[in-house]
Amino acid sequence: MACPNLVKSGFVFPLINIFVRAEQGDRAVNDSQSGKKSKFDTDANWKNLVLFYEYFHGDNGSGIDASHQTGWTGLVAKLIQQSSEYSD
């Protein structure tokens, strides 16, 4: 369980925002270094799938390295759930 104080302080939101769709409809985690849109942002069959990468680019949040990681980045799903519980 995430500490409610971490959620209330806003500590978890930068991590969560890497995976949330922006107003343009894309996720930071799907940004490519080439600037080309990812099929995970544009293709209706892939749009609702979220990749969990091993590392993230420090400036733009794009996923780097292995895209099948569900270790520590898998905790983001729990943080998203708990942020809605403790954000009141």
Protein backbone atom coordinates (compact mmCIF):
# COMPACT_ATOMS: atom_id res chain seq x y z
CA MET A 1 0.00 0.00 0.00
CA ALA A 2 1.35 3.40 -0.95
CA CYS A 3 1.71 5.88 1.81
CA PRO A 4 -1.24 8.30 1.70
CA ASN A 5 1.16 11.15 2.46
CA LEU A 6 3.15 10.39 -0.70
CA VAL A 7 -0.03 10.56 -2.75
CA LYS A 8 -1.24 13.75 -1.08
CA SER A 9 2.15 15.40 -1.51
CA GLY A 10 2.04 14.75 -5.26
CA PHE A 11 5.17 12.58 -5.21
CA VAL A 12 3.60 9.78 -7.28
CA PHE A 13 1.94 11.91 -9.98
CA PRO A 14 5.02 12.51 -12.19
CA LEU A 15 5.48 8.74 -12.41
CA ILE A 16 1.80 8.13 -13.09
CA ASN A 17 1.69 10.85 -15.76
CA ILE A 18 4.19 8.94 -17.92
CA PHE A 19 1.42 6.39 -18.55
CA VAL A 20 -1.65 8.67 -18.74
CA ARG A 21 -2.97 9.89 -22.09
CA ALA A 22 -2.30 13.57 -22.78
CA GLU A 23 -4.89 15.87 -24.33
CA GLN A 24 -3.49 14.98 -27.77
CA GLY A 25 -4.33 11.31 -27.11
CA ASP A 26 -0.79 9.98 -26.71
CA ARG A 27 1.20 8.69 -23.74
CA ALA A 28 4.69 9.93 -22.88
CA VAL A 29 5.86 6.34 -22.47
CA ASN A 30 5.09 5.72 -26.16
CA ASP A 31 7.10 8.67 -27.49
CA SER A 32 9.78 7.60 -29.92
CA GLN A 33 13.14 9.28 -30.28
CA SER A 34 12.44 9.69 -34.01
CA GLY A 35 9.29 11.72 -33.42
CA LYS A 36 7.13 9.13 -35.21
CA LYS A 37 3.82 8.32 -33.51
CA SER A 38 3.64 4.88 -31.93
CA LYS A 39 1.00 2.35 -32.97
CA PHE A 40 0.17 2.21 -29.26
CA ASP A 41 -1.17 5.76 -29.65
CA THR A 42 -2.71 5.56 -33.13
CA ASP A 43 -3.92 2.02 -33.91
CA ALA A 44 -7.36 1.19 -32.47
CA ASN A 45 -6.27 -2.41 -31.82
CA TRP A 46 -3.27 -1.36 -29.73
CA LYS A 47 -4.43 1.94 -28.25
CA ASN A 48 -5.50 0.62 -24.85
CA LEU A 49 -2.35 -1.41 -24.22
CA VAL A 50 0.31 0.12 -21.99
CA LEU A 51 3.95 -0.97 -22.16
CA PHE A 52 6.07 -1.05 -19.03
CA TYR A 53 9.68 -0.32 -19.92
CA GLU A 54 12.81 -1.00 -17.92
CA TYR A 55 13.99 2.63 -18.05
CA PHE A 56 12.53 6.01 -18.98
CA HIS A 57 14.01 9.07 -20.69
CA GLY A 58 14.51 11.73 -18.02
CA ASP A 59 13.33 14.65 -20.15
CA ASN A 60 10.27 13.31 -21.98
CA GLY A 61 9.32 10.07 -20.18
CA SER A 62 9.62 7.86 -23.26
CA GLY A 63 10.25 4.19 -22.62
CA ILE A 64 13.79 2.91 -23.11
CA ASP A 65 15.20 -0.63 -23.26
CA ALA A 66 13.17 -3.79 -22.61
CA SER A 67 9.43 -3.25 -23.07
CA HIS A 68 8.24 -6.36 -21.30
CA GLN A 69 9.21 -5.32 -17.80
CA THR A 70 6.58 -5.71 -15.12
CA GLY A 71 8.83 -5.45 -12.08
CA TRP A 72 9.00 -2.09 -10.36
CA THR A 73 7.08 -0.36 -13.18
CA GLY A 74 4.19 -2.74 -12.56
CA LEU A 75 3.69 -0.85 -9.30
CA VAL A 76 2.38 2.11 -11.29
CA ALA A 77 -1.02 0.40 -11.66
CA LYS A 78 -1.28 0.17 -7.88
CA LEU A 79 -0.17 3.79 -7.50
CA ILE A 80 -2.87 4.91 -9.94
CA GLN A 81 -5.49 3.01 -7.97
CA GLN A 82 -4.32 4.36 -4.63
CA SER A 83 -3.95 7.91 -5.90
CA SER A 84 -7.69 7.97 -6.55
CA GLU A 85 -8.36 6.62 -3.06
CA TYR A 86 -6.17 9.12 -1.23
CA SER A 87 -6.48 12.22 -3.39
CA ASP A 88 -9.64 13.49 -1.70
